[in-house]
């Protein structure tokens, strides 16, 4: 058997096809070593940063969704209240002008 490249000895039992050779990365000889290489604890410890990052991204999108919903709700409520205030102001001016047409209405609230 020919010597394997350095990068191939680090990847585990994967098959790589190159233009000239088909090689298999070396597997562990002992079942205990194999169990240690592919244990759940090792997987969790090696990929904990990925899971934390993914959790943060999901949390960020959920938080942005909640903030957006609250923002839209408040803007709708504010627009409704502003419309009611403008209508009541216009109604009061029209009422005063109806009863006293010559009376000048001051512009204060």
PDB file of N, CA and C in Angstrom:
ATOM      1  N   UNK A   1       0.848  -1.177   0.000  1.00  0.00           N
ATOM      2  CA  UNK A   1       0.000   0.000   0.000  1.00  0.00           C
ATOM      3  C   UNK A   1       0.891   1.237   0.000  1.00  0.00           C
ATOM      4  N   UNK A   2       0.462   2.252  -0.717  1.00  0.00           N
ATOM      5  CA  UNK A   2       1.243   3.486  -0.816  1.00  0.00           C
ATOM      6  C   UNK A   2       0.959   4.375   0.394  1.00  0.00           C
ATOM      7  N   UNK A   3       1.908   5.241   0.767  1.00  0.00           N
ATOM      8  CA  UNK A   3       1.674   6.133   1.912  1.00  0.00           C
ATOM      9  C   UNK A   3       0.551   7.133   1.583  1.00  0.00           C
ATOM     10  N   UNK A   4      -0.224   7.441   2.595  1.00  0.00           N
ATOM     11  CA  UNK A   4      -1.353   8.359   2.390  1.00  0.00           C
ATOM     12  C   UNK A   4      -0.935   9.782   2.710  1.00  0.00           C
ATOM     13  N   UNK A   5      -1.543  10.747   2.024  1.00  0.00           N
ATOM     14  CA  UNK A   5      -1.208  12.155   2.297  1.00  0.00           C
ATOM     15  C   UNK A   5      -1.562  12.543   3.722  1.00  0.00           C
ATOM     16  N   UNK A   6      -0.909  13.601   4.210  1.00  0.00           N
ATOM     17  CA  UNK A   6      -1.107  14.080   5.578  1.00  0.00           C
ATOM     18  C   UNK A   6      -2.569  14.443   5.838  1.00  0.00           C
ATOM     19  N   UNK A   7      -3.205  15.164   4.909  1.00  0.00           N
ATOM     20  CA  UNK A   7      -4.582  15.625   5.123  1.00  0.00           C
ATOM     21  C   UNK A   7      -5.566  14.472   5.164  1.00  0.00           C
ATOM     22  N   UNK A   8      -5.215  13.345   4.567  1.00  0.00           N
ATOM     23  CA  UNK A   8      -6.123  12.203   4.528  1.00  0.00           C
ATOM     24  C   UNK A   8      -6.102  11.425   5.842  1.00  0.00           C
ATOM     25  N   UNK A   9      -5.009  11.512   6.591  1.00  0.00           N
ATOM     26  CA  UNK A   9      -4.911  10.735   7.815  1.00  0.00           C
ATOM     27  C   UNK A   9      -5.717  11.353   8.952  1.00  0.00           C
ATOM     28  N   UNK A  10      -6.267  12.538   8.801  1.00  0.00           N
ATOM     29  CA  UNK A  10      -6.976  13.224   9.869  1.00  0.00           C
ATOM     30  C   UNK A  10      -8.496  13.166   9.745  1.00  0.00           C
ATOM     31  N   UNK A  11      -9.046  12.621   8.693  1.00  0.00           N
ATOM     32  CA  UNK A  11     -10.471  12.766   8.451  1.00  0.00           C
ATOM     33  C   UNK A  11     -11.331  11.587   8.854  1.00  0.00           C
ATOM     34  N   UNK A  12     -10.788  10.480   9.239  1.00  0.00           N
ATOM     35  CA  UNK A  12     -11.612   9.358   9.662  1.00  0.00           C
ATOM     36  C   UNK A  12     -11.901   8.416   8.514  1.00  0.00           C
ATOM     37  N   UNK A  13     -12.907   7.553   8.647  1.00  0.00           N
ATOM     38  CA  UNK A  13     -13.159   6.505   7.655  1.00  0.00           C
ATOM     39  C   UNK A  13     -13.981   7.001   6.458  1.00  0.00           C
ATOM     40  N   UNK A  14     -13.491   7.985   5.746  1.00  0.00           N
ATOM     41  CA  UNK A  14     -14.173   8.492   4.560  1.00  0.00           C
ATOM     42  C   UNK A  14     -13.414   8.057   3.311  1.00  0.00           C
ATOM     43  N   UNK A  15     -14.114   7.866   2.230  1.00  0.00           N
ATOM     44  CA  UNK A  15     -13.477   7.462   0.974  1.00  0.00           C
ATOM     45  C   UNK A  15     -13.291   8.709   0.113  1.00  0.00           C
ATOM     46  N   UNK A  16     -12.086   8.912  -0.404  1.00  0.00           N
ATOM     47  CA  UNK A  16     -11.784  10.037  -1.278  1.00  0.00           C
ATOM     48  C   UNK A  16     -11.389   9.506  -2.646  1.00  0.00           C
ATOM     49  N   UNK A  17     -11.931  10.067  -3.683  1.00  0.00           N
ATOM     50  CA  UNK A  17     -11.577   9.665  -5.041  1.00  0.00           C
ATOM     51  C   UNK A  17     -10.777  10.800  -5.651  1.00  0.00           C
ATOM     52  N   UNK A  18      -9.548  10.509  -5.998  1.00  0.00           N
ATOM     53  CA  UNK A  18      -8.691  11.482  -6.660  1.00  0.00           C
ATOM     54  C   UNK A  18      -8.539  11.039  -8.110  1.00  0.00           C
ATOM     55  N   UNK A  19      -7.989  11.868  -8.965  1.00  0.00           N
ATOM     56  CA  UNK A  19      -7.866  11.466 -10.368  1.00  0.00           C
ATOM     57  C   UNK A  19      -7.083  10.177 -10.585  1.00  0.00           C
ATOM     58  N   UNK A  20      -6.132   9.868  -9.716  1.00  0.00           N
ATOM     59  CA  UNK A  20      -5.286   8.702  -9.957  1.00  0.00           C
ATOM     60  C   UNK A  20      -5.571   7.531  -9.024  1.00  0.00           C
ATOM     61  N   UNK A  21      -5.900   7.809  -7.766  1.00  0.00           N
ATOM     62  CA  UNK A  21      -6.007   6.714  -6.801  1.00  0.00           C
ATOM     63  C   UNK A  21      -7.330   6.777  -6.054  1.00  0.00           C
ATOM     64  N   UNK A  22      -7.747   5.623  -5.594  1.00  0.00           N
ATOM     65  CA  UNK A  22      -8.875   5.525  -4.676  1.00  0.00           C
ATOM     66  C   UNK A  22      -8.284   5.066  -3.359  1.00  0.00           C
ATOM     67  N   UNK A  23      -8.459   5.862  -2.328  1.00  0.00           N
ATOM     68  CA  UNK A  23      -7.836   5.520  -1.047  1.00  0.00           C
ATOM     69  C   UNK A  23      -8.879   5.555   0.062  1.00  0.00           C
ATOM     70  N   UNK A  24      -8.591   4.850   1.109  1.00  0.00           N
ATOM     71  CA  UNK A  24      -9.463   4.838   2.286  1.00  0.00           C
ATOM     72  C   UNK A  24      -8.616   5.335   3.460  1.00  0.00           C
ATOM     73  N   UNK A  25      -9.192   6.287   4.206  1.00  0.00           N
ATOM     74  CA  UNK A  25      -8.481   6.805   5.366  1.00  0.00           C
ATOM     75  C   UNK A  25      -8.380   5.709   6.418  1.00  0.00           C
ATOM     76  N   UNK A  26      -7.308   5.704   7.182  1.00  0.00           N
ATOM     77  CA  UNK A  26      -7.126   4.626   8.152  1.00  0.00           C
ATOM     78  C   UNK A  26      -8.176   4.663   9.252  1.00  0.00           C
ATOM     79  N   UNK A  27      -8.664   3.495   9.618  1.00  0.00           N
ATOM     80  CA  UNK A  27      -9.629   3.382  10.699  1.00  0.00           C
ATOM     81  C   UNK A  27      -8.906   2.958  11.967  1.00  0.00           C
ATOM     82  N   UNK A  28      -9.534   3.209  13.091  1.00  0.00           N
ATOM     83  CA  UNK A  28      -8.937   2.803  14.363  1.00  0.00           C
ATOM     84  C   UNK A  28      -8.942   1.284  14.460  1.00  0.00           C
ATOM     85  N   UNK A  29      -7.877   0.751  15.056  1.00  0.00           N
ATOM     86  CA  UNK A  29      -7.767  -0.702  15.184  1.00  0.00           C
ATOM     87  C   UNK A  29      -8.631  -1.242  16.308  1.00  0.00           C
ATOM     88  N   UNK A  30      -8.762  -0.543  17.377  1.00  0.00           N
ATOM     89  CA  UNK A  30      -9.470  -1.018  18.554  1.00  0.00           C
ATOM     90  C   UNK A  30     -10.899  -0.462  18.578  1.00  0.00           C
ATOM     91  N   UNK A  31     -11.883  -1.259  18.958  1.00  0.00           N
ATOM     92  CA  UNK A  31     -13.252  -0.759  19.090  1.00  0.00           C
ATOM     93  C   UNK A  31     -13.377   0.343  20.139  1.00  0.00           C
ATOM     94  N   UNK A  32     -12.557   0.290  21.199  1.00  0.00           N
ATOM     95  CA  UNK A  32     -12.606   1.334  22.233  1.00  0.00           C
ATOM     96  C   UNK A  32     -12.156   2.674  21.661  1.00  0.00           C
ATOM     97  N   UNK A  33     -11.090   2.640  20.834  1.00  0.00           N
ATOM     98  CA  UNK A  33     -10.624   3.877  20.196  1.00  0.00           C
ATOM     99  C   UNK A  33     -11.689   4.414  19.246  1.00  0.00           C
ATOM    100  N   UNK A  34     -12.349   3.514  18.544  1.00  0.00           N
ATOM    101  CA  UNK A  34     -13.403   3.906  17.614  1.00  0.00           C
ATOM    102  C   UNK A  34     -14.561   4.542  18.377  1.00  0.00           C
ATOM    103  N   UNK A  35     -14.932   3.928  19.501  1.00  0.00           N
ATOM    104  CA  UNK A  35     -16.025   4.469  20.308  1.00  0.00           C
ATOM    105  C   UNK A  35     -15.647   5.840  20.856  1.00  0.00           C
ATOM    106  N   UNK A  36     -14.376   6.030  21.230  1.00  0.00           N
ATOM    107  CA  UNK A  36     -13.930   7.323  21.741  1.00  0.00           C
ATOM    108  C   UNK A  36     -13.933   8.380  20.636  1.00  0.00           C
ATOM    109  N   UNK A  37     -13.509   7.970  19.419  1.00  0.00           N
ATOM    110  CA  UNK A  37     -13.470   8.924  18.309  1.00  0.00           C
ATOM    111  C   UNK A  37     -14.856   9.406  17.926  1.00  0.00           C
ATOM    112  N   UNK A  38     -15.865   8.533  18.023  1.00  0.00           N
ATOM    113  CA  UNK A  38     -17.197   8.866  17.546  1.00  0.00           C
ATOM    114  C   UNK A  38     -18.228   8.878  18.672  1.00  0.00           C
ATOM    115  N   UNK A  39     -17.829   9.255  19.857  1.00  0.00           N
ATOM    116  CA  UNK A  39     -18.753   9.264  20.981  1.00  0.00           C
ATOM    117  C   UNK A  39     -19.641  10.515  20.933  1.00  0.00           C
ATOM    118  N   UNK A  40     -20.789  10.402  21.583  1.00  0.00           N
ATOM    119  CA  UNK A  40     -21.732  11.521  21.640  1.00  0.00           C
ATOM    120  C   UNK A  40     -21.122  12.697  22.403  1.00  0.00           C
ATOM    121  N   UNK A  41     -20.374  12.422  23.459  1.00  0.00           N
ATOM    122  CA  UNK A  41     -19.767  13.497  24.250  1.00  0.00           C
ATOM    123  C   UNK A  41     -18.777  14.295  23.413  1.00  0.00           C
ATOM    124  N   UNK A  42     -17.985  13.583  22.609  1.00  0.00           N
ATOM    125  CA  UNK A  42     -17.017  14.271  21.749  1.00  0.00           C
ATOM    126  C   UNK A  42     -17.746  15.104  20.703  1.00  0.00           C
ATOM    127  N   UNK A  43     -18.808  14.557  20.140  1.00  0.00           N
ATOM    128  CA  UNK A  43     -19.590  15.293  19.140  1.00  0.00           C
ATOM    129  C   UNK A  43     -20.161  16.571  19.755  1.00  0.00           C
ATOM    130  N   UNK A  44     -20.729  16.449  20.944  1.00  0.00           N
ATOM    131  CA  UNK A  44     -21.319  17.622  21.603  1.00  0.00           C
ATOM    132  C   UNK A  44     -20.244  18.639  21.932  1.00  0.00           C
ATOM    133  N   UNK A  45     -19.110  18.189  22.462  1.00  0.00           N
ATOM    134  CA  UNK A  45     -18.059  19.140  22.823  1.00  0.00           C
ATOM    135  C   UNK A  45     -17.437  19.792  21.592  1.00  0.00           C
ATOM    136  N   UNK A  46     -17.312  19.058  20.499  1.00  0.00           N
ATOM    137  CA  UNK A  46     -16.741  19.630  19.282  1.00  0.00           C
ATOM    138  C   UNK A  46     -17.683  20.617  18.601  1.00  0.00           C
ATOM    139  N   UNK A  47     -18.980  20.393  18.730  1.00  0.00           N
ATOM    140  CA  UNK A  47     -19.953  21.220  18.010  1.00  0.00           C
ATOM    141  C   UNK A  47     -20.789  22.112  18.910  1.00  0.00           C
ATOM    142  N   UNK A  48     -20.381  22.319  20.138  1.00  0.00           N
ATOM    143  CA  UNK A  48     -21.170  23.150  21.049  1.00  0.00           C
ATOM    144  C   UNK A  48     -21.250  24.593  20.557  1.00  0.00           C
ATOM    145  N   UNK A  49     -20.179  25.100  19.968  1.00  0.00           N
ATOM    146  CA  UNK A  49     -20.199  26.464  19.435  1.00  0.00           C
ATOM    147  C   UNK A  49     -21.205  26.632  18.309  1.00  0.00           C
ATOM    148  N   UNK A  50     -21.340  25.600  17.490  1.00  0.00           N
ATOM    149  CA  UNK A  50     -22.311  25.645  16.397  1.00  0.00           C
ATOM    150  C   UNK A  50     -23.727  25.715  16.952  1.00  0.00           C
ATOM    151  N   UNK A  51     -24.016  24.879  17.958  1.00  0.00           N
ATOM    152  CA  UNK A  51     -25.360  24.865  18.546  1.00  0.00           C
ATOM    153  C   UNK A  51     -25.667  26.166  19.276  1.00  0.00           C
ATOM    154  N   UNK A  52     -24.673  26.718  19.958  1.00  0.00           N
ATOM    155  CA  UNK A  52     -24.875  28.001  20.636  1.00  0.00           C
ATOM    156  C   UNK A  52     -25.124  29.102  19.609  1.00  0.00           C
ATOM    157  N   UNK A  53     -24.334  29.130  18.547  1.00  0.00           N
ATOM    158  CA  UNK A  53     -24.534  30.133  17.499  1.00  0.00           C
ATOM    159  C   UNK A  53     -25.886  30.001  16.825  1.00  0.00           C
ATOM    160  N   UNK A  54     -26.281  28.776  16.521  1.00  0.00           N
ATOM    161  CA  UNK A  54     -27.582  28.548  15.913  1.00  0.00           C
ATOM    162  C   UNK A  54     -28.708  28.987  16.841  1.00  0.00           C
ATOM    163  N   UNK A  55     -28.562  28.694  18.127  1.00  0.00           N
ATOM    164  CA  UNK A  55     -29.565  29.127  19.107  1.00  0.00           C
ATOM    165  C   UNK A  55     -29.654  30.644  19.176  1.00  0.00           C
ATOM    166  N   UNK A  56     -28.506  31.314  19.142  1.00  0.00           N
ATOM    167  CA  UNK A  56     -28.510  32.777  19.171  1.00  0.00           C
ATOM    168  C   UNK A  56     -29.176  33.366  17.931  1.00  0.00           C
ATOM    169  N   UNK A  57     -28.928  32.780  16.774  1.00  0.00           N
ATOM    170  CA  UNK A  57     -29.558  33.266  15.541  1.00  0.00           C
ATOM    171  C   UNK A  57     -31.065  33.078  15.599  1.00  0.00           C
ATOM    172  N   UNK A  58     -31.512  31.912  16.062  1.00  0.00           N
ATOM    173  CA  UNK A  58     -32.960  31.661  16.178  1.00  0.00           C
ATOM    174  C   UNK A  58     -33.572  32.623  17.190  1.00  0.00           C
ATOM    175  N   UNK A  59     -32.915  32.825  18.333  1.00  0.00           N
ATOM    176  CA  UNK A  59     -33.399  33.764  19.333  1.00  0.00           C
ATOM    177  C   UNK A  59     -33.475  35.179  18.757  1.00  0.00           C
ATOM    178  N   UNK A  60     -32.463  35.578  17.985  1.00  0.00           N
ATOM    179  CA  UNK A  60     -32.449  36.906  17.376  1.00  0.00           C
ATOM    180  C   UNK A  60     -33.648  37.092  16.438  1.00  0.00           C
ATOM    181  N   UNK A  61     -33.928  36.093  15.591  1.00  0.00           N
ATOM    182  CA  UNK A  61     -35.043  36.218  14.661  1.00  0.00           C
ATOM    183  C   UNK A  61     -36.385  36.227  15.386  1.00  0.00           C
ATOM    184  N   UNK A  62     -36.524  35.434  16.429  1.00  0.00           N
ATOM    185  CA  UNK A  62     -37.763  35.462  17.207  1.00  0.00           C
ATOM    186  C   UNK A  62     -37.935  36.815  17.884  1.00  0.00           C
ATOM    187  N   UNK A  63     -36.850  37.352  18.450  1.00  0.00           N
ATOM    188  CA  UNK A  63     -36.919  38.667  19.100  1.00  0.00           C
ATOM    189  C   UNK A  63     -37.267  39.752  18.085  1.00  0.00           C
ATOM    190  N   UNK A  64     -36.683  39.703  16.893  1.00  0.00           N
ATOM    191  CA  UNK A  64     -37.000  40.707  15.866  1.00  0.00           C
ATOM    192  C   UNK A  64     -38.454  40.595  15.409  1.00  0.00           C
ATOM    193  N   UNK A  65     -38.971  39.370  15.340  1.00  0.00           N
ATOM    194  CA  UNK A  65     -40.367  39.173  14.967  1.00  0.00           C
ATOM    195  C   UNK A  65     -41.287  39.791  16.016  1.00  0.00           C
ATOM    196  N   UNK A  66     -40.976  39.565  17.296  1.00  0.00           N
ATOM    197  CA  UNK A  66     -41.796  40.123  18.372  1.00  0.00           C
ATOM    198  C   UNK A  66     -41.715  41.644  18.383  1.00  0.00           C
ATOM    199  N   UNK A  67     -40.519  42.189  18.232  1.00  0.00           N
ATOM    200  CA  UNK A  67     -40.354  43.649  18.201  1.00  0.00           C
ATOM    201  C   UNK A  67     -41.115  44.244  17.020  1.00  0.00           C
ATOM    202  N   UNK A  68     -41.049  43.607  15.866  1.00  0.00           N
ATOM    203  CA  UNK A  68     -41.756  44.105  14.687  1.00  0.00           C
ATOM    204  C   UNK A  68     -43.265  44.101  14.901  1.00  0.00           C
ATOM    205  N   UNK A  69     -43.788  43.014  15.475  1.00  0.00           N
ATOM    206  CA  UNK A  69     -45.235  42.939  15.726  1.00  0.00           C
ATOM    207  C   UNK A  69     -45.679  44.033  16.701  1.00  0.00           C
ATOM    208  N   UNK A  70     -44.912  44.234  17.776  1.00  0.00           N
ATOM    209  CA  UNK A  70     -45.261  45.279  18.756  1.00  0.00           C
ATOM    210  C   UNK A  70     -45.161  46.661  18.125  1.00  0.00           C
ATOM    211  N   UNK A  71     -44.137  46.886  17.303  1.00  0.00           N
ATOM    212  CA  UNK A  71     -43.960  48.181  16.646  1.00  0.00           C
ATOM    213  C   UNK A  71     -45.155  48.480  15.733  1.00  0.00           C
ATOM    214  N   UNK A  72     -45.551  47.500  14.927  1.00  0.00           N
ATOM    215  CA  UNK A  72     -46.685  47.704  14.024  1.00  0.00           C
ATOM    216  C   UNK A  72     -47.975  47.952  14.799  1.00  0.00           C
ATOM    217  N   UNK A  73     -48.158  47.223  15.895  1.00  0.00           N
ATOM    218  CA  UNK A  73     -49.357  47.406  16.715  1.00  0.00           C
ATOM    219  C   UNK A  73     -49.395  48.808  17.320  1.00  0.00           C
ATOM    220  N   UNK A  74     -48.267  49.256  17.840  1.00  0.00           N
ATOM    221  CA  UNK A  74     -48.219  50.606  18.428  1.00  0.00           C
ATOM    222  C   UNK A  74     -48.411  51.683  17.366  1.00  0.00           C
ATOM    223  N   UNK A  75     -47.833  51.492  16.193  1.00  0.00           N
ATOM    224  CA  UNK A  75     -48.004  52.480  15.130  1.00  0.00           C
ATOM    225  C   UNK A  75     -49.458  52.550  14.677  1.00  0.00           C
ATOM    226  N   UNK A  76     -50.118  51.405  14.581  1.00  0.00           N
ATOM    227  CA  UNK A  76     -51.530  51.385  14.208  1.00  0.00           C
ATOM    228  C   UNK A  76     -52.365  52.107  15.262  1.00  0.00           C
ATOM    229  N   UNK A  77     -52.092  51.822  16.546  1.00  0.00           N
ATOM    230  CA  UNK A  77     -52.824  52.468  17.631  1.00  0.00           C
ATOM    231  C   UNK A  77     -52.572  53.975  17.634  1.00  0.00           C
ATOM    232  N   UNK A  78     -51.326  54.382  17.429  1.00  0.00           N
ATOM    233  CA  UNK A  78     -50.988  55.806  17.400  1.00  0.00           C
ATOM    234  C   UNK A  78     -51.668  56.512  16.237  1.00  0.00           C
ATOM    235  N   UNK A  79     -51.710  55.873  15.073  1.00  0.00           N
ATOM    236  CA  UNK A  79     -52.382  56.465  13.917  1.00  0.00           C
ATOM    237  C   UNK A  79     -53.876  56.608  14.174  1.00  0.00           C
ATOM    238  N   UNK A  80     -54.461  55.621  14.819  1.00  0.00           N
ATOM    239  CA  UNK A  80     -55.886  55.671  15.140  1.00  0.00           C
ATOM    240  C   UNK A  80     -56.175  56.802  16.121  1.00  0.00           C
ATOM    241  N   UNK A  81     -55.360  56.922  17.174  1.00  0.00           N
ATOM    242  CA  UNK A  81     -55.552  57.979  18.173  1.00  0.00           C
ATOM    243  C   UNK A  81     -55.334  59.353  17.550  1.00  0.00           C
ATOM    244  N   UNK A  82     -54.329  59.472  16.706  1.00  0.00           N
ATOM    245  CA  UNK A  82     -54.067  60.753  16.043  1.00  0.00           C
ATOM    246  C   UNK A  82     -55.228  61.138  15.134  1.00  0.00           C
ATOM    247  N   UNK A  83     -55.779  60.170  14.421  1.00  0.00           N
ATOM    248  CA  UNK A  83     -56.939  60.449  13.564  1.00  0.00           C
ATOM    249  C   UNK A  83     -58.138  60.905  14.374  1.00  0.00           C
ATOM    250  N   UNK A  84     -58.385  60.275  15.513  1.00  0.00           N
ATOM    251  CA  UNK A  84     -59.503  60.677  16.381  1.00  0.00           C
ATOM    252  C   UNK A  84     -59.275  62.089  16.915  1.00  0.00           C
ATOM    253  N   UNK A  85     -58.032  62.384  17.320  1.00  0.00           N
ATOM    254  CA  UNK A  85     -57.730  63.733  17.825  1.00  0.00           C
ATOM    255  C   UNK A  85     -57.935  64.776  16.733  1.00  0.00           C
ATOM    256  N   UNK A  86     -57.484  64.503  15.514  1.00  0.00           N
ATOM    257  CA  UNK A  86     -57.660  65.457  14.415  1.00  0.00           C
ATOM    258  C   UNK A  86     -59.140  65.642  14.075  1.00  0.00           C
ATOM    259  N   UNK A  87     -59.904  64.564  14.092  1.00  0.00           N
ATOM    260  CA  UNK A  87     -61.343  64.671  13.813  1.00  0.00           C
ATOM    261  C   UNK A  87     -62.055  65.461  14.895  1.00  0.00           C
ATOM    262  N   UNK A  88     -61.697  65.233  16.173  1.00  0.00           N
ATOM    263  CA  UNK A  88     -62.356  65.972  17.259  1.00  0.00           C
ATOM    264  C   UNK A  88     -61.992  67.452  17.209  1.00  0.00           C
ATOM    265  N   UNK A  89     -60.756  67.773  16.847  1.00  0.00           N
ATOM    266  CA  UNK A  89     -60.347  69.168  16.726  1.00  0.00           C
ATOM    267  C   UNK A  89     -61.111  69.849  15.585  1.00  0.00           C
ATOM    268  N   UNK A  90     -61.198  69.188  14.442  1.00  0.00           N
ATOM    269  CA  UNK A  90     -61.939  69.758  13.309  1.00  0.00           C
ATOM    270  C   UNK A  90     -63.421  69.912  13.663  1.00  0.00           C
ATOM    271  N   UNK A  91     -63.988  68.931  14.375  1.00  0.00           N
ATOM    272  CA  UNK A  91     -65.393  69.020  14.774  1.00  0.00           C
ATOM    273  C   UNK A  91     -65.623  70.196  15.704  1.00  0.00           C
ATOM    274  N   UNK A  92     -64.740  70.408  16.673  1.00  0.00           N
ATOM    275  CA  UNK A  92     -64.908  71.524  17.609  1.00  0.00           C
ATOM    276  C   UNK A  92     -64.789  72.864  16.893  1.00  0.00           C
ATOM    277  N   UNK A  93     -63.865  72.977  15.935  1.00  0.00           N
ATOM    278  CA  UNK A  93     -63.756  74.226  15.172  1.00  0.00           C
ATOM    279  C   UNK A  93     -65.019  74.476  14.343  1.00  0.00           C
ATOM    280  N   UNK A  94     -65.533  73.442  13.706  1.00  0.00           N
ATOM    281  CA  UNK A  94     -66.752  73.596  12.916  1.00  0.00           C
ATOM    282  C   UNK A  94     -67.952  73.938  13.806  1.00  0.00           C
ATOM    283  N   UNK A  95     -68.009  73.372  14.992  1.00  0.00           N
ATOM    284  CA  UNK A  95     -69.096  73.663  15.917  1.00  0.00           C
ATOM    285  C   UNK A  95     -69.060  75.123  16.345  1.00  0.00           C
ATOM    286  N   UNK A  96     -67.886  75.620  16.712  1.00  0.00           N
ATOM    287  CA  UNK A  96     -67.752  77.026  17.110  1.00  0.00           C
ATOM    288  C   UNK A  96     -68.092  77.940  15.945  1.00  0.00           C
ATOM    289  N   UNK A  97     -67.635  77.614  14.751  1.00  0.00           N
ATOM    290  CA  UNK A  97     -67.929  78.456  13.577  1.00  0.00           C
ATOM    291  C   UNK A  97     -69.416  78.408  13.218  1.00  0.00           C
ATOM    292  N   UNK A  98     -70.072  77.306  13.495  1.00  0.00           N
ATOM    293  CA  UNK A  98     -71.494  77.192  13.197  1.00  0.00           C
ATOM    294  C   UNK A  98     -72.321  78.101  14.107  1.00  0.00           C
ATOM    295  N   UNK A  99     -71.990  78.137  15.407  1.00  0.00           N
ATOM    296  CA  UNK A  99     -72.774  78.950  16.335  1.00  0.00           C
ATOM    297  C   UNK A  99     -72.350  80.414  16.330  1.00  0.00           C
ATOM    298  N   UNK A 100     -71.097  80.677  16.065  1.00  0.00           N
ATOM    299  CA  UNK A 100     -70.609  82.062  16.032  1.00  0.00           C
ATOM    300  C   UNK A 100     -69.764  82.256  14.781  1.00  0.00           C
ATOM    301  N   UNK A 101     -70.388  82.528  13.632  1.00  0.00           N
ATOM    302  CA  UNK A 101     -69.627  82.636  12.382  1.00  0.00           C
ATOM    303  C   UNK A 101     -68.627  83.792  12.380  1.00  0.00           C
ATOM    304  N   UNK A 102     -68.905  84.854  13.088  1.00  0.00           N
ATOM    305  CA  UNK A 102     -67.991  86.001  13.073  1.00  0.00           C
ATOM    306  C   UNK A 102     -66.897  85.883  14.130  1.00  0.00           C
ATOM    307  N   UNK A 103     -66.971  84.896  14.979  1.00  0.00           N
ATOM    308  CA  UNK A 103     -66.008  84.726  16.056  1.00  0.00           C
ATOM    309  C   UNK A 103     -64.748  84.060  15.516  1.00  0.00           C
ATOM    310  N   UNK A 104     -63.591  84.670  15.817  1.00  0.00           N
ATOM    311  CA  UNK A 104     -62.326  84.121  15.358  1.00  0.00           C
ATOM    312  C   UNK A 104     -61.856  83.078  16.373  1.00  0.00           C
ATOM    313  N   UNK A 105     -61.600  81.857  15.913  1.00  0.00           N
ATOM    314  CA  UNK A 105     -61.186  80.753  16.786  1.00  0.00           C
ATOM    315  C   UNK A 105     -59.666  80.796  16.942  1.00  0.00           C
ATOM    316  N   UNK A 106     -59.243  80.806  18.220  1.00  0.00           N
ATOM    317  CA  UNK A 106     -57.801  80.815  18.461  1.00  0.00           C
ATOM    318  C   UNK A 106     -57.221  79.420  18.228  1.00  0.00           C
ATOM    319  N   UNK A 107     -55.944  79.401  17.816  1.00  0.00           N
ATOM    320  CA  UNK A 107     -55.300  78.119  17.496  1.00  0.00           C
ATOM    321  C   UNK A 107     -54.484  77.626  18.691  1.00  0.00           C
ATOM    322  N   UNK A 108     -55.174  77.196  19.683  1.00  0.00           N
ATOM    323  CA  UNK A 108     -54.522  76.522  20.798  1.00  0.00           C
ATOM    324  C   UNK A 108     -55.445  75.409  21.279  1.00  0.00           C
ATOM    325  N   UNK A 109     -54.886  74.500  22.047  1.00  0.00           N
ATOM    326  CA  UNK A 109     -55.694  73.372  22.515  1.00  0.00           C
ATOM    327  C   UNK A 109     -55.853  73.438  24.010  1.00  0.00           C
TER     328      UNK A 109
END
